Amino acid sequence: MQLTTVWFGLIAILWCGYFLLEGFDFGVGVLLPVIGRTERQRRVLINTIGPVWDGNEVWLVVAGGATFAAFPEWYATLFSGFYLPLLLILLALIVRGVAFEYRGKVDSAAWRRRWDIGIFVGSAVPAFLWGVAFGNIVRGVRLDADHEYVGSFVDLLNPYALLGGITTLALFTLHGAVFLALKTDGEVRARAGALAVRLGLAALLVAGGFLSWTQWMRTDLTGAVLSAAAAASLAGGVGAAKLRREGWAFVGTAAAIVLATVALFATLFPEVLPSTVAAANSLTVHNASATPYTLKIMTWVAAFCTPVVLAYQGWTYWVFRRRLRVEDIPQAAAEPAGGQTEAAVRQPGL
């Protein structure tokens, strides 16, 4: 197997890891004003991802760095042509990170409310725009003979890409709801579990439509099988959520996100950025890759470093595996003492 194919697969794995882990981070942020009815509930939601959200973003950094090193032509065309949406994603991620750090700096309900808006926007915008970006990558964009993007920002807002954005937003929000049901207890857990069932039906509808459109547009047997497996996993996750089996529900939504991402990459291969102007203008794993020597060095570095990073991140999740309860959160001075009652609702787990 050629190293160009190996690195295409590794980049696909990195994006799978990013969407799987950062996906529930985005979902928690989007659901913050929905499930968090009181300040203590909102703090529970934030604390579920507090120890891991920045580590989850490492997958994005590594995916971008790997693309730059292994496929520099793909990286250059992608980041120049998609400059505005990628800039919006970056700004949203910055706002979200700052909001996590600053919302507790001042003991004021108005202060925290403003930063909570930042968390919501900083989660919803990337969750939507990543789907738009990948929708355009799979569909193809206007590339000239020099592999330069000659389209406009409006061209990126085509119906297929917009459906991709709605799909990722729906999937990540569902994933976040299931994660909250798995990681919390009491009223927050019950509310997240009930919401996951309702969100699951919407996610099934839009994800099924997007994956079906993908296969109609770029027929690929492997991609079709993976898309069907993703839909089945999503349906299984929703069914488990309805039975309040949060562990299996999380496995189902996680598998659906990973399988859907792999399906998109499998459908795309061997192209990395198709051209809608002429097939000869498309970027592929062959004409966009770095030199064989560069890929060889990168492979050795990845073989050594990847297990260490995975072991450390796995240890982090193990350390912070305990469910969180509202009772563990001290009453905020700015919050009225007679807030909403937290019922200790205990449901069966995995």
Protein backbone atom coordinates (compact mmCIF):
# COMPACT_ATOMS: atom_id res chain seq x y z
CA MET A 1 0.00 0.00 0.00
CA GLN A 2 1.34 3.43 -0.95
CA LEU A 3 2.06 5.93 1.81
CA THR A 4 -0.26 8.45 0.14
CA THR A 5 -3.14 6.03 0.72
CA VAL A 6 -1.97 5.35 4.28
CA TRP A 7 -1.93 9.05 5.11
CA PHE A 8 -5.30 9.65 3.50
CA GLY A 9 -6.62 6.95 5.82
CA LEU A 10 -4.83 8.42 8.85
CA ILE A 11 -6.28 11.87 8.16
CA ALA A 12 -9.73 10.27 7.93
CA ILE A 13 -9.13 8.63 11.33
CA LEU A 14 -8.10 11.98 12.83
CA TRP A 15 -11.31 13.61 11.61
CA CYS A 16 -13.29 10.66 12.97
CA GLY A 17 -11.68 11.19 16.37
CA TYR A 18 -12.31 14.92 16.25
CA PHE A 19 -15.98 14.63 15.31
CA LEU A 20 -16.54 11.82 17.81
CA LEU A 21 -15.02 13.68 20.78
CA GLU A 22 -15.56 17.32 19.92
CA GLY A 23 -19.02 16.42 18.65
CA PHE A 24 -20.43 15.92 22.12
CA ASP A 25 -18.60 19.07 23.29
CA PHE A 26 -20.47 21.02 20.63
CA GLY A 27 -23.71 19.30 21.58
CA VAL A 28 -23.33 20.19 25.25
CA GLY A 29 -22.68 23.82 24.31
CA VAL A 30 -25.73 23.97 22.05
CA LEU A 31 -27.93 22.40 24.75
CA LEU A 32 -26.62 24.63 27.55
CA PRO A 33 -29.61 27.05 27.47
CA VAL A 34 -32.08 24.20 26.86
CA ILE A 35 -31.16 21.68 29.57
CA GLY A 36 -29.52 24.10 32.00
CA ARG A 37 -32.54 25.72 33.65
CA THR A 38 -30.61 27.00 36.70
CA GLU A 39 -27.05 28.20 37.25
CA ARG A 40 -26.12 25.00 39.07
CA GLN A 41 -27.50 22.89 36.22
CA ARG A 42 -25.54 24.92 33.70
CA ARG A 43 -22.40 24.42 35.73
CA VAL A 44 -23.03 20.67 35.75
CA LEU A 45 -23.27 20.73 31.94
CA ILE A 46 -20.05 22.69 31.59
CA ASN A 47 -18.26 20.47 34.11
CA THR A 48 -19.05 17.35 32.08
CA ILE A 49 -16.75 18.59 29.32
CA GLY A 50 -14.54 20.91 31.36
CA PRO A 51 -11.64 18.46 31.81
CA VAL A 52 -11.62 17.21 28.21
CA TRP A 53 -12.82 19.81 25.71
CA ASP A 54 -9.39 21.36 25.07
CA GLY A 55 -7.82 17.92 24.70
CA ASN A 56 -10.49 16.98 22.17
CA GLU A 57 -9.49 19.97 20.04
CA VAL A 58 -6.00 18.48 19.70
CA TRP A 59 -7.48 16.11 17.12
CA LEU A 60 -8.30 19.12 14.94
CA VAL A 61 -4.81 20.57 15.30
CA VAL A 62 -3.20 17.25 14.39
CA ALA A 63 -5.59 16.72 11.46
CA GLY A 64 -4.69 20.16 10.09
CA GLY A 65 -0.96 19.60 10.65
CA ALA A 66 -1.06 16.16 9.03
CA THR A 67 -2.87 17.58 5.99
CA PHE A 68 -0.30 20.36 5.69
CA ALA A 69 2.63 17.93 5.84
CA ALA A 70 1.23 14.98 3.87
CA PHE A 71 -0.88 16.82 1.27
CA PRO A 72 0.40 20.42 1.06
CA GLU A 73 -1.43 21.14 -2.21
CA TRP A 74 -4.73 20.04 -0.65
CA TYR A 75 -4.05 22.14 2.45
CA ALA A 76 -3.16 25.25 0.42
CA THR A 77 -6.21 25.06 -1.85
CA LEU A 78 -8.58 24.18 0.96
CA PHE A 79 -7.48 26.93 3.34
CA SER A 80 -7.37 29.60 0.64
CA GLY A 81 -10.69 28.68 -0.96
CA PHE A 82 -12.50 28.06 2.34
CA TYR A 83 -10.82 30.98 4.10
CA LEU A 84 -13.96 32.76 5.35
CA PRO A 85 -15.84 29.73 6.76
CA LEU A 86 -12.66 28.40 8.37
CA LEU A 87 -12.01 31.83 9.88
CA LEU A 88 -15.55 31.85 11.29
CA ILE A 89 -14.95 28.40 12.79
CA LEU A 90 -11.68 29.57 14.35
CA LEU A 91 -13.28 32.69 15.82
CA ALA A 92 -16.17 30.64 17.21
CA LEU A 93 -13.78 28.19 18.85
CA ILE A 94 -11.86 31.08 20.40
CA VAL A 95 -15.05 32.63 21.75
CA ARG A 96 -16.13 29.31 23.22
CA GLY A 97 -12.75 28.70 24.89
CA VAL A 98 -12.68 32.19 26.37
CA ALA A 99 -16.27 31.80 27.59
CA PHE A 100 -15.41 28.59 29.44
CA GLU A 101 -12.58 30.35 31.26
CA TYR A 102 -14.26 33.69 31.97
CA ARG A 103 -17.89 32.89 32.85
CA GLY A 104 -16.98 32.22 36.47
CA LYS A 105 -14.64 35.18 36.97
CA VAL A 106 -17.38 37.55 38.14
CA ASP A 107 -20.17 36.55 40.52
CA SER A 108 -22.94 38.09 38.43
CA ALA A 109 -25.88 36.40 36.70
CA ALA A 110 -25.77 38.91 33.82
CA TRP A 111 -22.03 38.31 33.34
CA ARG A 112 -22.49 34.53 33.19
CA ARG A 113 -25.48 34.86 30.87
CA ARG A 114 -23.39 36.77 28.31
CA TRP A 115 -20.66 34.13 28.36
CA ASP A 116 -23.25 31.35 28.11
CA ILE A 117 -24.38 32.95 24.84
CA GLY A 118 -20.75 32.78 23.73
CA ILE A 119 -20.61 29.06 24.57
CA PHE A 120 -23.82 28.44 22.61
CA VAL A 121 -22.69 30.40 19.53
CA GLY A 122 -19.14 29.06 19.76
CA SER A 123 -20.54 25.53 19.69
CA ALA A 124 -23.36 25.88 17.15
CA VAL A 125 -21.35 27.75 14.48
CA PRO A 126 -18.54 25.15 14.13
CA ALA A 127 -21.03 22.27 14.41
CA PHE A 128 -22.85 23.69 11.38
CA LEU A 129 -19.90 24.96 9.32
CA TRP A 130 -17.89 21.74 9.53
CA GLY A 131 -20.76 20.01 7.76
CA VAL A 132 -20.86 22.76 5.14
CA ALA A 133 -17.11 22.44 4.58
CA PHE A 134 -17.12 18.67 4.21
CA GLY A 135 -20.20 18.84 2.02
CA ASN A 136 -18.27 21.03 -0.40
CA ILE A 137 -15.21 18.79 -0.23
CA VAL A 138 -17.27 15.75 -1.23
CA ARG A 139 -19.40 17.58 -3.80
CA GLY A 140 -16.44 19.39 -5.35
CA VAL A 141 -15.65 23.05 -5.91
CA ARG A 142 -14.55 25.27 -8.79
CA LEU A 143 -10.83 24.56 -9.31
CA ASP A 144 -8.83 25.79 -12.29
CA ALA A 145 -5.93 24.01 -13.99
CA ASP A 146 -3.53 25.32 -11.30
CA HIS A 147 -5.72 23.82 -8.55
CA GLU A 148 -6.75 27.29 -7.41
CA TYR A 149 -10.26 27.89 -6.10
CA VAL A 150 -12.04 30.25 -8.50
CA GLY A 151 -15.48 30.21 -6.92
CA SER A 152 -16.99 32.58 -4.36
CA PHE A 153 -18.19 32.26 -0.80
CA VAL A 154 -21.79 32.09 -2.05
CA ASP A 155 -20.85 29.03 -4.14
CA LEU A 156 -20.03 27.21 -0.92
CA LEU A 157 -23.58 27.76 0.35
CA ASN A 158 -25.17 25.28 -2.05
CA PRO A 159 -28.12 23.11 -0.97
CA TYR A 160 -26.07 19.93 -0.55
CA ALA A 161 -23.47 21.62 1.66
CA LEU A 162 -26.15 23.38 3.72
CA LEU A 163 -27.83 20.02 4.31
CA GLY A 164 -24.43 18.73 5.41
CA GLY A 165 -24.24 21.56 7.93
CA ILE A 166 -27.71 20.79 9.27
CA THR A 167 -26.73 17.11 9.50
CA THR A 168 -23.59 17.69 11.57
CA LEU A 169 -25.42 20.17 13.80
CA ALA A 170 -28.20 17.65 14.41
CA LEU A 171 -25.83 14.72 14.98
CA PHE A 172 -23.56 16.63 17.35
CA THR A 173 -26.52 18.00 19.33
CA LEU A 174 -27.93 14.48 19.67
CA HIS A 175 -24.49 13.16 20.63
CA GLY A 176 -24.24 15.86 23.28
CA ALA A 177 -27.65 14.99 24.74
CA VAL A 178 -26.72 11.32 24.98
CA PHE A 179 -23.39 12.24 26.56
CA LEU A 180 -25.14 14.38 29.17
CA ALA A 181 -27.53 11.55 30.00
CA LEU A 182 -24.50 9.29 30.47
CA LYS A 183 -22.44 11.73 32.53
CA THR A 184 -25.03 13.35 34.83
CA ASP A 185 -27.62 12.33 37.36
CA GLY A 186 -30.92 13.61 38.65
CA GLU A 187 -33.10 16.04 36.75
CA VAL A 188 -30.41 16.95 34.22
CA ARG A 189 -29.99 13.29 33.32
CA ALA A 190 -33.73 12.75 32.89
CA ARG A 191 -34.15 15.89 30.78
CA ALA A 192 -31.17 15.03 28.55
CA GLY A 193 -32.40 11.47 28.01
CA ALA A 194 -35.88 12.61 27.01
CA LEU A 195 -34.48 15.25 24.68
CA ALA A 196 -32.13 12.72 23.06
CA VAL A 197 -35.10 10.65 21.87
CA ARG A 198 -36.75 13.66 20.23
CA LEU A 199 -33.50 14.86 18.69
CA GLY A 200 -32.78 11.36 17.42
CA LEU A 201 -35.78 11.36 15.10
CA ALA A 202 -34.71 14.66 13.51
CA ALA A 203 -31.10 13.48 13.22
CA LEU A 204 -32.18 10.25 11.52
CA LEU A 205 -34.20 12.21 8.97
CA VAL A 206 -31.55 14.76 7.99
CA ALA A 207 -28.58 12.36 8.19
CA GLY A 208 -30.41 9.79 6.09
CA GLY A 209 -31.22 12.43 3.49
CA PHE A 210 -27.66 13.74 3.38
CA LEU A 211 -26.04 10.29 3.08
CA SER A 212 -28.56 9.24 0.42
CA TRP A 213 -27.87 12.39 -1.57
CA THR A 214 -24.14 11.71 -1.26
CA GLN A 215 -24.48 8.23 -2.72
CA TRP A 216 -26.77 9.46 -5.50
CA MET A 217 -24.22 12.13 -6.41
CA ARG A 218 -21.04 10.01 -6.06
CA THR A 219 -22.02 6.35 -6.33
CA ASP A 220 -19.63 4.18 -4.29
CA LEU A 221 -20.36 0.69 -2.97
CA THR A 222 -18.11 0.99 0.08
CA GLY A 223 -19.54 4.37 0.92
CA ALA A 224 -23.09 3.05 0.51
CA VAL A 225 -22.45 0.13 2.89
CA LEU A 226 -20.84 2.44 5.45
CA SER A 227 -23.69 4.94 5.13
CA ALA A 228 -26.23 2.18 5.77
CA ALA A 229 -24.23 1.03 8.79
CA ALA A 230 -24.13 4.61 10.09
CA ALA A 231 -27.90 4.94 9.76
CA ALA A 232 -28.41 1.60 11.54
CA SER A 233 -26.07 2.64 14.36
CA LEU A 234 -27.90 5.93 14.75
CA ALA A 235 -31.27 4.18 14.89
CA GLY A 236 -29.88 1.76 17.47
CA GLY A 237 -28.55 4.63 19.55
CA VAL A 238 -31.92 6.38 19.50
CA GLY A 239 -33.65 3.13 20.48
CA ALA A 240 -31.24 2.66 23.38
CA ALA A 241 -31.84 6.24 24.49
CA LYS A 242 -35.58 5.57 24.55
CA LEU A 243 -34.94 2.57 26.80
CA ARG A 244 -32.69 4.79 28.97
CA ARG A 245 -29.63 2.66 28.27
CA GLU A 246 -27.30 5.64 28.07
CA GLY A 247 -24.11 3.66 27.57
CA TRP A 248 -25.41 1.82 24.52
CA ALA A 249 -27.02 5.02 23.24
CA PHE A 250 -23.63 6.73 23.34
CA VAL A 251 -22.03 3.78 21.53
CA GLY A 252 -24.71 4.08 18.84
CA THR A 253 -24.31 7.81 18.22
CA ALA A 254 -20.51 7.54 18.38
CA ALA A 255 -20.50 4.70 15.84
CA ALA A 256 -22.87 6.64 13.58
CA ILE A 257 -20.60 9.70 13.53
CA VAL A 258 -17.48 7.62 12.86
CA LEU A 259 -19.10 5.50 10.16
CA ALA A 260 -20.62 8.53 8.43
CA THR A 261 -17.23 10.28 8.39
CA VAL A 262 -15.50 7.18 7.01
CA ALA A 263 -18.24 6.87 4.40
CA LEU A 264 -17.55 10.41 3.18
CA PHE A 265 -13.82 9.77 2.92
CA ALA A 266 -14.37 6.41 1.21
CA THR A 267 -16.70 8.04 -1.31
CA LEU A 268 -14.13 10.79 -1.92
CA PHE A 269 -11.05 8.54 -2.43
CA PRO A 270 -8.75 8.79 -4.41
CA GLU A 271 -9.71 12.44 -4.82
CA VAL A 272 -9.17 14.85 -1.95
CA LEU A 273 -10.85 17.87 -3.52
CA PRO A 274 -12.82 17.31 -6.74
CA SER A 275 -13.15 20.04 -9.34
CA THR A 276 -16.55 20.88 -10.79
CA VAL A 277 -14.88 22.69 -13.71
CA ALA A 278 -12.98 19.74 -15.18
CA ALA A 279 -12.04 16.32 -13.82
CA ALA A 280 -8.39 16.94 -14.76
CA ASN A 281 -8.31 19.88 -12.33
CA SER A 282 -9.21 17.75 -9.33
CA LEU A 283 -6.77 17.22 -6.49
CA THR A 284 -6.04 13.58 -5.69
CA VAL A 285 -3.89 11.71 -3.19
CA HIS A 286 -1.25 11.51 -5.90
CA ASN A 287 -0.97 15.07 -7.26
CA ALA A 288 -1.53 16.74 -3.87
CA SER A 289 0.89 14.70 -1.75
CA ALA A 290 4.30 15.54 -0.30
CA THR A 291 7.47 13.68 -1.32
CA PRO A 292 7.83 9.99 -0.43
CA TYR A 293 10.68 10.82 1.96
CA THR A 294 8.48 13.29 3.86
CA LEU A 295 5.69 10.74 4.15
CA LYS A 296 8.15 8.11 5.37
CA ILE A 297 9.49 10.35 8.15
CA MET A 298 5.95 11.31 9.14
CA THR A 299 4.94 7.66 9.35
CA TRP A 300 7.74 6.88 11.82
CA VAL A 301 6.86 9.91 13.96
CA ALA A 302 3.17 9.00 13.96
CA ALA A 303 3.91 5.38 14.89
CA PHE A 304 5.84 6.54 17.96
CA CYS A 305 3.71 9.47 19.16
CA THR A 306 0.15 8.32 18.46
CA PRO A 307 0.00 5.52 21.10
CA VAL A 308 1.33 7.91 23.74
CA VAL A 309 -1.29 10.56 22.95
CA LEU A 310 -4.12 8.00 22.86
CA ALA A 311 -3.03 6.47 26.17
CA TYR A 312 -2.91 9.88 27.86
CA GLN A 313 -6.32 10.93 26.56
CA GLY A 314 -7.82 7.57 27.52
CA TRP A 315 -6.41 7.99 31.04
CA THR A 316 -8.00 11.46 31.23
CA TYR A 317 -11.45 10.08 30.44
CA TRP A 318 -10.96 7.29 32.98
CA VAL A 319 -10.05 9.73 35.75
CA PHE A 320 -13.12 11.91 35.06
CA ARG A 321 -15.54 9.04 34.48
CA ARG A 322 -17.83 9.73 37.48
CA ARG A 323 -21.36 11.02 36.98
CA LEU A 324 -21.95 14.63 38.01
CA ARG A 325 -24.84 15.81 40.18
CA VAL A 326 -26.28 19.22 40.88
CA GLU A 327 -25.84 18.50 44.60
CA ASP A 328 -22.07 18.56 44.06
CA ILE A 329 -22.22 22.17 42.83
CA PRO A 330 -22.15 24.87 45.55
CA GLN A 331 -24.94 27.43 45.49
CA ALA A 332 -23.86 30.59 43.64
CA ALA A 333 -24.08 33.78 45.67
CA ALA A 334 -25.87 35.59 42.83
CA GLU A 335 -28.53 32.86 42.49
CA PRO A 336 -31.69 32.94 44.59
CA ALA A 337 -31.73 30.21 47.23
CA GLY A 338 -35.25 29.09 46.32
CA GLY A 339 -34.32 27.81 42.87
CA GLN A 340 -35.77 24.89 40.99
CA THR A 341 -35.83 21.60 42.90
CA GLU A 342 -33.45 18.92 41.68
CA ALA A 343 -35.15 15.51 41.73
CA ALA A 344 -32.76 12.58 42.11
CA VAL A 345 -33.96 10.46 39.20
CA ARG A 346 -31.86 7.32 38.82
CA GLN A 347 -32.14 5.37 35.61
CA PRO A 348 -30.47 2.12 34.49
CA GLY A 349 -27.20 2.61 32.67
CA LEU A 350 -25.19 0.46 30.29
